[in-house]
Amino acid sequence: MEFKQLEIKQEGNWFSRLFYSKQFRKSVIYILIGAILGFAFTYVSEGMLINNMNTKDIITNVFFGAFFGFFITNSPCARNKC
């Protein structure tokens, strides 16, 4: 009988596995795009200069856009599990 040599790779710690995973990178990209679109929505809907805008409204819309980007990439239907 002949046996093949088993190749064992070092997986690294949990942080490196998470950071280099395809899903994590996709989630971060969509969160950033959502945050930018949330800010753009605030800027366009208010119709005034950035210096005159209310900070609370800007932060609220940026967080809403970031959450929407997170939800798009991590919902069960986005991962083909619905």
PDB file of N, CA and C in Angstrom:
ATOM      1  N   MET A   1       0.830  -1.169   0.000  1.00  0.00           N
ATOM      2  CA  MET A   1       0.000   0.000   0.000  1.00  0.00           C
ATOM      3  C   MET A   1       0.882   1.242   0.000  1.00  0.00           C
ATOM      4  N   GLU A   2       0.386   2.258  -0.694  1.00  0.00           N
ATOM      5  CA  GLU A   2       1.083   3.540  -0.709  1.00  0.00           C
ATOM      6  C   GLU A   2       0.149   4.609  -0.158  1.00  0.00           C
ATOM      7  N   PHE A   3       0.691   5.422   0.706  1.00  0.00           N
ATOM      8  CA  PHE A   3      -0.080   6.501   1.300  1.00  0.00           C
ATOM      9  C   PHE A   3       0.509   7.843   0.898  1.00  0.00           C
ATOM     10  N   LYS A   4      -0.403   8.799   0.681  1.00  0.00           N
ATOM     11  CA  LYS A   4       0.032  10.151   0.371  1.00  0.00           C
ATOM     12  C   LYS A   4       0.355  10.904   1.655  1.00  0.00           C
ATOM     13  N   GLN A   5       1.340  11.750   1.574  1.00  0.00           N
ATOM     14  CA  GLN A   5       1.702  12.563   2.728  1.00  0.00           C
ATOM     15  C   GLN A   5       0.579  13.554   3.021  1.00  0.00           C
ATOM     16  N   LEU A   6       0.134  13.632   4.241  1.00  0.00           N
ATOM     17  CA  LEU A   6      -0.924  14.545   4.646  1.00  0.00           C
ATOM     18  C   LEU A   6      -0.338  15.939   4.829  1.00  0.00           C
ATOM     19  N   GLU A   7      -0.958  16.898   4.155  1.00  0.00           N
ATOM     20  CA  GLU A   7      -0.496  18.276   4.256  1.00  0.00           C
ATOM     21  C   GLU A   7      -1.369  19.035   5.253  1.00  0.00           C
ATOM     22  N   ILE A   8      -0.764  19.501   6.302  1.00  0.00           N
ATOM     23  CA  ILE A   8      -1.480  20.237   7.332  1.00  0.00           C
ATOM     24  C   ILE A   8      -0.972  21.673   7.329  1.00  0.00           C
ATOM     25  N   LYS A   9      -1.907  22.611   7.172  1.00  0.00           N
ATOM     26  CA  LYS A   9      -1.542  24.027   7.182  1.00  0.00           C
ATOM     27  C   LYS A   9      -1.927  24.645   8.517  1.00  0.00           C
ATOM     28  N   GLN A  10      -1.159  25.625   8.903  1.00  0.00           N
ATOM     29  CA  GLN A  10      -1.474  26.379  10.102  1.00  0.00           C
ATOM     30  C   GLN A  10      -2.609  27.340   9.770  1.00  0.00           C
ATOM     31  N   GLU A  11      -3.700  27.311  10.531  1.00  0.00           N
ATOM     32  CA  GLU A  11      -4.852  28.162  10.254  1.00  0.00           C
ATOM     33  C   GLU A  11      -4.709  29.560  10.842  1.00  0.00           C
ATOM     34  N   GLY A  12      -3.903  29.755  11.816  1.00  0.00           N
ATOM     35  CA  GLY A  12      -3.783  31.069  12.444  1.00  0.00           C
ATOM     36  C   GLY A  12      -4.833  31.250  13.521  1.00  0.00           C
ATOM     37  N   ASN A  13      -4.820  32.422  14.123  1.00  0.00           N
ATOM     38  CA  ASN A  13      -5.783  32.682  15.189  1.00  0.00           C
ATOM     39  C   ASN A  13      -7.123  33.120  14.597  1.00  0.00           C
ATOM     40  N   TRP A  14      -8.107  33.288  15.454  1.00  0.00           N
ATOM     41  CA  TRP A  14      -9.463  33.582  14.992  1.00  0.00           C
ATOM     42  C   TRP A  14      -9.536  34.950  14.324  1.00  0.00           C
ATOM     43  N   PHE A  15      -8.727  35.907  14.797  1.00  0.00           N
ATOM     44  CA  PHE A  15      -8.772  37.249  14.225  1.00  0.00           C
ATOM     45  C   PHE A  15      -8.264  37.253  12.781  1.00  0.00           C
ATOM     46  N   SER A  16      -7.187  36.562  12.513  1.00  0.00           N
ATOM     47  CA  SER A  16      -6.647  36.532  11.146  1.00  0.00           C
ATOM     48  C   SER A  16      -7.585  35.772  10.212  1.00  0.00           C
ATOM     49  N   ARG A  17      -8.214  34.708  10.702  1.00  0.00           N
ATOM     50  CA  ARG A  17      -9.183  33.986   9.855  1.00  0.00           C
ATOM     51  C   ARG A  17     -10.373  34.874   9.525  1.00  0.00           C
ATOM     52  N   LEU A  18     -10.839  35.632  10.508  1.00  0.00           N
ATOM     53  CA  LEU A  18     -11.967  36.534  10.283  1.00  0.00           C
ATOM     54  C   LEU A  18     -11.573  37.676   9.351  1.00  0.00           C
ATOM     55  N   PHE A  19     -10.431  38.297   9.601  1.00  0.00           N
ATOM     56  CA  PHE A  19     -10.011  39.468   8.847  1.00  0.00           C
ATOM     57  C   PHE A  19      -9.755  39.149   7.379  1.00  0.00           C
ATOM     58  N   TYR A  20      -9.232  37.980   7.077  1.00  0.00           N
ATOM     59  CA  TYR A  20      -8.912  37.625   5.695  1.00  0.00           C
ATOM     60  C   TYR A  20     -10.018  36.857   4.994  1.00  0.00           C
ATOM     61  N   SER A  21     -11.160  36.677   5.639  1.00  0.00           N
ATOM     62  CA  SER A  21     -12.247  35.955   4.991  1.00  0.00           C
ATOM     63  C   SER A  21     -12.943  36.840   3.953  1.00  0.00           C
ATOM     64  N   LYS A  22     -13.469  36.200   2.937  1.00  0.00           N
ATOM     65  CA  LYS A  22     -14.138  36.917   1.847  1.00  0.00           C
ATOM     66  C   LYS A  22     -15.408  37.607   2.351  1.00  0.00           C
ATOM     67  N   GLN A  23     -16.164  36.966   3.221  1.00  0.00           N
ATOM     68  CA  GLN A  23     -17.409  37.531   3.738  1.00  0.00           C
ATOM     69  C   GLN A  23     -17.158  38.790   4.557  1.00  0.00           C
ATOM     70  N   PHE A  24     -16.107  38.796   5.366  1.00  0.00           N
ATOM     71  CA  PHE A  24     -15.782  39.960   6.184  1.00  0.00           C
ATOM     72  C   PHE A  24     -15.428  41.158   5.312  1.00  0.00           C
ATOM     73  N   ARG A  25     -14.592  40.930   4.301  1.00  0.00           N
ATOM     74  CA  ARG A  25     -14.214  42.030   3.413  1.00  0.00           C
ATOM     75  C   ARG A  25     -15.427  42.567   2.663  1.00  0.00           C
ATOM     76  N   LYS A  26     -16.295  41.682   2.218  1.00  0.00           N
ATOM     77  CA  LYS A  26     -17.501  42.106   1.512  1.00  0.00           C
ATOM     78  C   LYS A  26     -18.403  42.923   2.445  1.00  0.00           C
ATOM     79  N   SER A  27     -18.543  42.484   3.694  1.00  0.00           N
ATOM     80  CA  SER A  27     -19.368  43.211   4.662  1.00  0.00           C
ATOM     81  C   SER A  27     -18.812  44.607   4.927  1.00  0.00           C
ATOM     82  N   VAL A  28     -17.499  44.714   5.101  1.00  0.00           N
ATOM     83  CA  VAL A  28     -16.887  46.016   5.367  1.00  0.00           C
ATOM     84  C   VAL A  28     -17.089  46.960   4.189  1.00  0.00           C
ATOM     85  N   ILE A  29     -16.934  46.450   2.979  1.00  0.00           N
ATOM     86  CA  ILE A  29     -17.122  47.287   1.786  1.00  0.00           C
ATOM     87  C   ILE A  29     -18.557  47.784   1.708  1.00  0.00           C
ATOM     88  N   TYR A  30     -19.520  46.907   1.938  1.00  0.00           N
ATOM     89  CA  TYR A  30     -20.926  47.314   1.861  1.00  0.00           C
ATOM     90  C   TYR A  30     -21.301  48.257   3.001  1.00  0.00           C
ATOM     91  N   ILE A  31     -20.720  48.072   4.181  1.00  0.00           N
ATOM     92  CA  ILE A  31     -20.977  48.989   5.292  1.00  0.00           C
ATOM     93  C   ILE A  31     -20.463  50.383   4.955  1.00  0.00           C
ATOM     94  N   LEU A  32     -19.253  50.465   4.399  1.00  0.00           N
ATOM     95  CA  LEU A  32     -18.704  51.773   4.017  1.00  0.00           C
ATOM     96  C   LEU A  32     -19.527  52.430   2.914  1.00  0.00           C
ATOM     97  N   ILE A  33     -19.948  51.652   1.924  1.00  0.00           N
ATOM     98  CA  ILE A  33     -20.781  52.204   0.849  1.00  0.00           C
ATOM     99  C   ILE A  33     -22.112  52.693   1.420  1.00  0.00           C
ATOM    100  N   GLY A  34     -22.707  51.914   2.329  1.00  0.00           N
ATOM    101  CA  GLY A  34     -23.957  52.328   2.956  1.00  0.00           C
ATOM    102  C   GLY A  34     -23.810  53.602   3.767  1.00  0.00           C
ATOM    103  N   ALA A  35     -22.702  53.727   4.487  1.00  0.00           N
ATOM    104  CA  ALA A  35     -22.466  54.933   5.284  1.00  0.00           C
ATOM    105  C   ALA A  35     -22.284  56.147   4.378  1.00  0.00           C
ATOM    106  N   ILE A  36     -21.564  55.982   3.290  1.00  0.00           N
ATOM    107  CA  ILE A  36     -21.368  57.089   2.347  1.00  0.00           C
ATOM    108  C   ILE A  36     -22.692  57.484   1.704  1.00  0.00           C
ATOM    109  N   LEU A  37     -23.488  56.499   1.327  1.00  0.00           N
ATOM    110  CA  LEU A  37     -24.795  56.819   0.739  1.00  0.00           C
ATOM    111  C   LEU A  37     -25.723  57.464   1.754  1.00  0.00           C
ATOM    112  N   GLY A  38     -25.637  57.053   3.016  1.00  0.00           N
ATOM    113  CA  GLY A  38     -26.436  57.695   4.069  1.00  0.00           C
ATOM    114  C   GLY A  38     -26.053  59.145   4.238  1.00  0.00           C
ATOM    115  N   PHE A  39     -24.754  59.435   4.215  1.00  0.00           N
ATOM    116  CA  PHE A  39     -24.302  60.819   4.309  1.00  0.00           C
ATOM    117  C   PHE A  39     -24.727  61.611   3.079  1.00  0.00           C
ATOM    118  N   ALA A  40     -24.600  61.007   1.892  1.00  0.00           N
ATOM    119  CA  ALA A  40     -24.996  61.695   0.660  1.00  0.00           C
ATOM    120  C   ALA A  40     -26.493  61.996   0.668  1.00  0.00           C
ATOM    121  N   PHE A  41     -27.287  61.069   1.193  1.00  0.00           N
ATOM    122  CA  PHE A  41     -28.728  61.302   1.283  1.00  0.00           C
ATOM    123  C   PHE A  41     -29.023  62.488   2.192  1.00  0.00           C
ATOM    124  N   THR A  42     -28.320  62.564   3.318  1.00  0.00           N
ATOM    125  CA  THR A  42     -28.504  63.696   4.231  1.00  0.00           C
ATOM    126  C   THR A  42     -28.105  65.004   3.564  1.00  0.00           C
ATOM    127  N   TYR A  43     -26.991  64.998   2.879  1.00  0.00           N
ATOM    128  CA  TYR A  43     -26.489  66.207   2.226  1.00  0.00           C
ATOM    129  C   TYR A  43     -27.442  66.683   1.138  1.00  0.00           C
ATOM    130  N   VAL A  44     -27.968  65.763   0.333  1.00  0.00           N
ATOM    131  CA  VAL A  44     -28.867  66.137  -0.760  1.00  0.00           C
ATOM    132  C   VAL A  44     -30.235  66.551  -0.223  1.00  0.00           C
ATOM    133  N   SER A  45     -30.740  65.833   0.771  1.00  0.00           N
ATOM    134  CA  SER A  45     -32.087  66.137   1.259  1.00  0.00           C
ATOM    135  C   SER A  45     -32.140  67.446   2.044  1.00  0.00           C
ATOM    136  N   GLU A  46     -31.067  67.790   2.754  1.00  0.00           N
ATOM    137  CA  GLU A  46     -31.047  69.040   3.526  1.00  0.00           C
ATOM    138  C   GLU A  46     -30.873  70.252   2.617  1.00  0.00           C
ATOM    139  N   GLY A  47     -30.078  70.132   1.571  1.00  0.00           N
ATOM    140  CA  GLY A  47     -29.886  71.224   0.631  1.00  0.00           C
ATOM    141  C   GLY A  47     -29.120  72.403   1.192  1.00  0.00           C
ATOM    142  N   MET A  48     -28.188  72.164   2.117  1.00  0.00           N
ATOM    143  CA  MET A  48     -27.391  73.253   2.663  1.00  0.00           C
ATOM    144  C   MET A  48     -25.938  72.793   2.782  1.00  0.00           C
ATOM    145  N   LEU A  49     -25.089  73.701   3.151  1.00  0.00           N
ATOM    146  CA  LEU A  49     -23.676  73.383   3.292  1.00  0.00           C
ATOM    147  C   LEU A  49     -23.447  72.432   4.468  1.00  0.00           C
ATOM    148  N   ILE A  50     -22.331  71.705   4.425  1.00  0.00           N
ATOM    149  CA  ILE A  50     -22.025  70.742   5.473  1.00  0.00           C
ATOM    150  C   ILE A  50     -21.836  71.437   6.818  1.00  0.00           C
ATOM    151  N   ASN A  51     -21.281  72.635   6.824  1.00  0.00           N
ATOM    152  CA  ASN A  51     -21.053  73.358   8.080  1.00  0.00           C
ATOM    153  C   ASN A  51     -22.352  73.712   8.796  1.00  0.00           C
ATOM    154  N   ASN A  52     -23.442  73.875   8.048  1.00  0.00           N
ATOM    155  CA  ASN A  52     -24.724  74.277   8.633  1.00  0.00           C
ATOM    156  C   ASN A  52     -25.635  73.102   8.972  1.00  0.00           C
ATOM    157  N   MET A  53     -25.194  71.877   8.695  1.00  0.00           N
ATOM    158  CA  MET A  53     -26.047  70.708   8.907  1.00  0.00           C
ATOM    159  C   MET A  53     -26.032  70.283  10.372  1.00  0.00           C
ATOM    160  N   ASN A  54     -27.108  69.662  10.786  1.00  0.00           N
ATOM    161  CA  ASN A  54     -27.248  69.158  12.146  1.00  0.00           C
ATOM    162  C   ASN A  54     -26.448  67.859  12.274  1.00  0.00           C
ATOM    163  N   THR A  55     -25.547  67.779  13.251  1.00  0.00           N
ATOM    164  CA  THR A  55     -24.676  66.616  13.429  1.00  0.00           C
ATOM    165  C   THR A  55     -25.467  65.360  13.772  1.00  0.00           C
ATOM    166  N   LYS A  56     -26.520  65.512  14.547  1.00  0.00           N
ATOM    167  CA  LYS A  56     -27.327  64.357  14.942  1.00  0.00           C
ATOM    168  C   LYS A  56     -27.971  63.697  13.729  1.00  0.00           C
ATOM    169  N   ASP A  57     -28.491  64.481  12.802  1.00  0.00           N
ATOM    170  CA  ASP A  57     -29.096  63.925  11.591  1.00  0.00           C
ATOM    171  C   ASP A  57     -28.059  63.229  10.714  1.00  0.00           C
ATOM    172  N   ILE A  58     -26.880  63.802  10.623  1.00  0.00           N
ATOM    173  CA  ILE A  58     -25.816  63.200   9.823  1.00  0.00           C
ATOM    174  C   ILE A  58     -25.427  61.842  10.400  1.00  0.00           C
ATOM    175  N   ILE A  59     -25.200  61.789  11.706  1.00  0.00           N
ATOM    176  CA  ILE A  59     -24.787  60.541  12.347  1.00  0.00           C
ATOM    177  C   ILE A  59     -25.877  59.482  12.249  1.00  0.00           C
ATOM    178  N   THR A  60     -27.113  59.882  12.428  1.00  0.00           N
ATOM    179  CA  THR A  60     -28.228  58.938  12.329  1.00  0.00           C
ATOM    180  C   THR A  60     -28.301  58.324  10.938  1.00  0.00           C
ATOM    181  N   ASN A  61     -28.206  59.142   9.914  1.00  0.00           N
ATOM    182  CA  ASN A  61     -28.300  58.617   8.558  1.00  0.00           C
ATOM    183  C   ASN A  61     -27.076  57.801   8.159  1.00  0.00           C
ATOM    184  N   VAL A  62     -25.904  58.164   8.664  1.00  0.00           N
ATOM    185  CA  VAL A  62     -24.706  57.366   8.387  1.00  0.00           C
ATOM    186  C   VAL A  62     -24.837  55.988   9.043  1.00  0.00           C
ATOM    187  N   PHE A  63     -25.294  55.931  10.296  1.00  0.00           N
ATOM    188  CA  PHE A  63     -25.480  54.638  10.952  1.00  0.00           C
ATOM    189  C   PHE A  63     -26.568  53.810  10.271  1.00  0.00           C
ATOM    190  N   PHE A  64     -27.639  54.450   9.835  1.00  0.00           N
ATOM    191  CA  PHE A  64     -28.694  53.735   9.133  1.00  0.00           C
ATOM    192  C   PHE A  64     -28.159  53.147   7.823  1.00  0.00           C
ATOM    193  N   GLY A  65     -27.391  53.924   7.087  1.00  0.00           N
ATOM    194  CA  GLY A  65     -26.804  53.423   5.841  1.00  0.00           C
ATOM    195  C   GLY A  65     -25.824  52.297   6.085  1.00  0.00           C
ATOM    196  N   ALA A  66     -25.013  52.405   7.146  1.00  0.00           N
ATOM    197  CA  ALA A  66     -24.057  51.340   7.478  1.00  0.00           C
ATOM    198  C   ALA A  66     -24.789  50.063   7.887  1.00  0.00           C
ATOM    199  N   PHE A  67     -25.858  50.197   8.673  1.00  0.00           N
ATOM    200  CA  PHE A  67     -26.644  49.019   9.047  1.00  0.00           C
ATOM    201  C   PHE A  67     -27.283  48.383   7.836  1.00  0.00           C
ATOM    202  N   PHE A  68     -27.779  49.201   6.920  1.00  0.00           N
ATOM    203  CA  PHE A  68     -28.396  48.667   5.707  1.00  0.00           C
ATOM    204  C   PHE A  68     -27.365  47.890   4.885  1.00  0.00           C
ATOM    205  N   GLY A  69     -26.143  48.415   4.781  1.00  0.00           N
ATOM    206  CA  GLY A  69     -25.076  47.703   4.086  1.00  0.00           C
ATOM    207  C   GLY A  69     -24.725  46.399   4.780  1.00  0.00           C
ATOM    208  N   PHE A  70     -24.698  46.402   6.114  1.00  0.00           N
ATOM    209  CA  PHE A  70     -24.442  45.179   6.872  1.00  0.00           C
ATOM    210  C   PHE A  70     -25.552  44.164   6.657  1.00  0.00           C
ATOM    211  N   PHE A  71     -26.797  44.616   6.667  1.00  0.00           N
ATOM    212  CA  PHE A  71     -27.925  43.715   6.498  1.00  0.00           C
ATOM    213  C   PHE A  71     -27.940  43.097   5.105  1.00  0.00           C
ATOM    214  N   ILE A  72     -27.577  43.862   4.087  1.00  0.00           N
ATOM    215  CA  ILE A  72     -27.570  43.338   2.722  1.00  0.00           C
ATOM    216  C   ILE A  72     -26.598  42.171   2.592  1.00  0.00           C
ATOM    217  N   THR A  73     -25.451  42.253   3.230  1.00  0.00           N
ATOM    218  CA  THR A  73     -24.449  41.201   3.075  1.00  0.00           C
ATOM    219  C   THR A  73     -24.623  40.046   4.041  1.00  0.00           C
ATOM    220  N   ASN A  74     -25.305  40.247   5.166  1.00  0.00           N
ATOM    221  CA  ASN A  74     -25.377  39.196   6.187  1.00  0.00           C
ATOM    222  C   ASN A  74     -26.774  38.669   6.462  1.00  0.00           C
ATOM    223  N   SER A  75     -27.751  39.043   5.655  1.00  0.00           N
ATOM    224  CA  SER A  75     -29.091  38.491   5.848  1.00  0.00           C
ATOM    225  C   SER A  75     -29.097  37.032   5.369  1.00  0.00           C
ATOM    226  N   PRO A  76     -29.999  36.233   5.877  1.00  0.00           N
ATOM    227  CA  PRO A  76     -30.036  34.830   5.443  1.00  0.00           C
ATOM    228  C   PRO A  76     -30.274  34.680   3.943  1.00  0.00           C
ATOM    229  N   CYS A  77     -31.084  35.534   3.363  1.00  0.00           N
ATOM    230  CA  CYS A  77     -31.349  35.417   1.929  1.00  0.00           C
ATOM    231  C   CYS A  77     -30.130  35.800   1.095  1.00  0.00           C
ATOM    232  N   ALA A  78     -29.292  36.705   1.596  1.00  0.00           N
ATOM    233  CA  ALA A  78     -28.077  37.065   0.876  1.00  0.00           C
ATOM    234  C   ALA A  78     -27.076  35.926   0.888  1.00  0.00           C
ATOM    235  N   ARG A  79     -27.171  35.062   1.870  1.00  0.00           N
ATOM    236  CA  ARG A  79     -26.255  33.923   1.976  1.00  0.00           C
ATOM    237  C   ARG A  79     -26.885  32.631   1.470  1.00  0.00           C
ATOM    238  N   ASN A  80     -28.009  32.740   0.739  1.00  0.00           N
ATOM    239  CA  ASN A  80     -28.725  31.596   0.151  1.00  0.00           C
ATOM    240  C   ASN A  80     -29.169  30.574   1.194  1.00  0.00           C
ATOM    241  N   LYS A  81     -29.710  31.061   2.325  1.00  0.00           N
ATOM    242  CA  LYS A  81     -30.186  30.164   3.379  1.00  0.00           C
ATOM    243  C   LYS A  81     -31.632  30.432   3.740  1.00  0.00           C
ATOM    244  N   CYS A  82     -32.390  31.054   2.845  1.00  0.00           N
ATOM    245  CA  CYS A  82     -33.796  31.304   3.188  1.00  0.00           C
ATOM    246  C   CYS A  82     -34.711  30.387   2.414  1.00  0.00           C
TER     247      CYS A  82
END
